[in-house]
Amino acid sequence: MTGAAPAPFPWDDALETALGPLGWTPDTFWRATPRELAAAVAGRLGRARAGAPTRDTLAALMAAFPDR
């Protein structure tokens, strides 16, 4: 038995946040790392920072969302 597939990355929500409240251009969004986007959101919208992922979490994310 295999576990449930991970949810896909919420690209639409991320793009909406970057182009809306953050006021980024599409070029800025696509050049940003996920950590930079999270920091910008936390700074602009006052959301709590989750901290850096552990190596295991990063490995799991990389396995779930491989570069193609």
Protein backbone atom coordinates (compact mmCIF):
# COMPACT_ATOMS: atom_id res chain seq x y z
CA MET A 1 0.00 0.00 0.00
CA THR A 2 1.35 3.41 -0.89
CA GLY A 3 0.67 6.67 0.89
CA ALA A 4 -1.37 9.49 -0.56
CA ALA A 5 0.30 11.52 -3.24
CA PRO A 6 1.53 14.90 -2.04
CA ALA A 7 -0.57 17.89 -2.97
CA PRO A 8 0.75 19.79 -5.97
CA PHE A 9 2.52 23.07 -5.32
CA PRO A 10 -0.07 25.90 -5.26
CA TRP A 11 1.41 27.84 -8.19
CA ASP A 12 -1.76 29.89 -8.78
CA ASP A 13 -1.86 31.07 -5.16
CA ALA A 14 1.86 31.87 -5.12
CA LEU A 15 1.65 33.82 -8.37
CA GLU A 16 -1.47 35.68 -7.22
CA THR A 17 0.24 36.69 -3.98
CA ALA A 18 3.44 37.78 -5.71
CA LEU A 19 1.73 39.84 -8.42
CA GLY A 20 -0.98 41.20 -6.10
CA PRO A 21 -0.04 42.17 -2.54
CA LEU A 22 3.71 41.96 -3.14
CA GLY A 23 3.58 43.96 -6.37
CA TRP A 24 6.23 41.80 -8.07
CA THR A 25 6.61 41.56 -11.81
CA PRO A 26 6.33 38.10 -13.39
CA ASP A 27 10.08 38.17 -13.99
CA THR A 28 10.77 38.82 -10.30
CA PHE A 29 8.44 35.97 -9.30
CA TRP A 30 10.03 33.41 -11.61
CA ARG A 31 13.56 34.39 -10.55
CA ALA A 32 12.76 34.14 -6.82
CA THR A 33 13.44 31.05 -4.76
CA PRO A 34 10.67 29.58 -2.61
CA ARG A 35 12.51 30.87 0.46
CA GLU A 36 12.60 34.40 -0.98
CA LEU A 37 8.88 34.26 -1.76
CA ALA A 38 8.11 33.01 1.76
CA ALA A 39 10.22 35.79 3.31
CA ALA A 40 8.55 38.43 1.15
CA VAL A 41 5.10 37.15 2.10
CA ALA A 42 6.02 37.05 5.79
CA GLY A 43 7.41 40.57 5.65
CA ARG A 44 4.54 42.06 3.66
CA LEU A 45 1.58 40.16 5.09
CA GLY A 46 2.90 39.61 8.61
CA ARG A 47 2.70 35.83 8.50
CA ALA A 48 4.76 33.82 10.96
CA ARG A 49 8.03 32.45 9.65
CA ALA A 50 8.20 28.68 9.53
CA GLY A 51 11.99 28.50 9.49
CA ALA A 52 14.24 26.60 7.16
CA PRO A 53 13.22 23.07 6.24
CA THR A 54 15.22 20.15 7.60
CA ARG A 55 17.35 18.09 5.24
CA ASP A 56 14.73 15.32 5.37
CA THR A 57 11.92 17.75 4.53
CA LEU A 58 13.93 19.22 1.66
CA ALA A 59 14.70 15.73 0.34
CA ALA A 60 11.01 14.82 0.49
CA LEU A 61 10.05 18.01 -1.35
CA MET A 62 12.69 17.38 -4.00
CA ALA A 63 11.38 13.83 -4.48
CA ALA A 64 7.78 15.05 -4.67
CA PHE A 65 8.53 17.94 -7.04
CA PRO A 66 11.53 16.93 -9.18
CA ASP A 67 13.02 19.27 -11.76
CA ARG A 68 12.16 18.11 -15.23
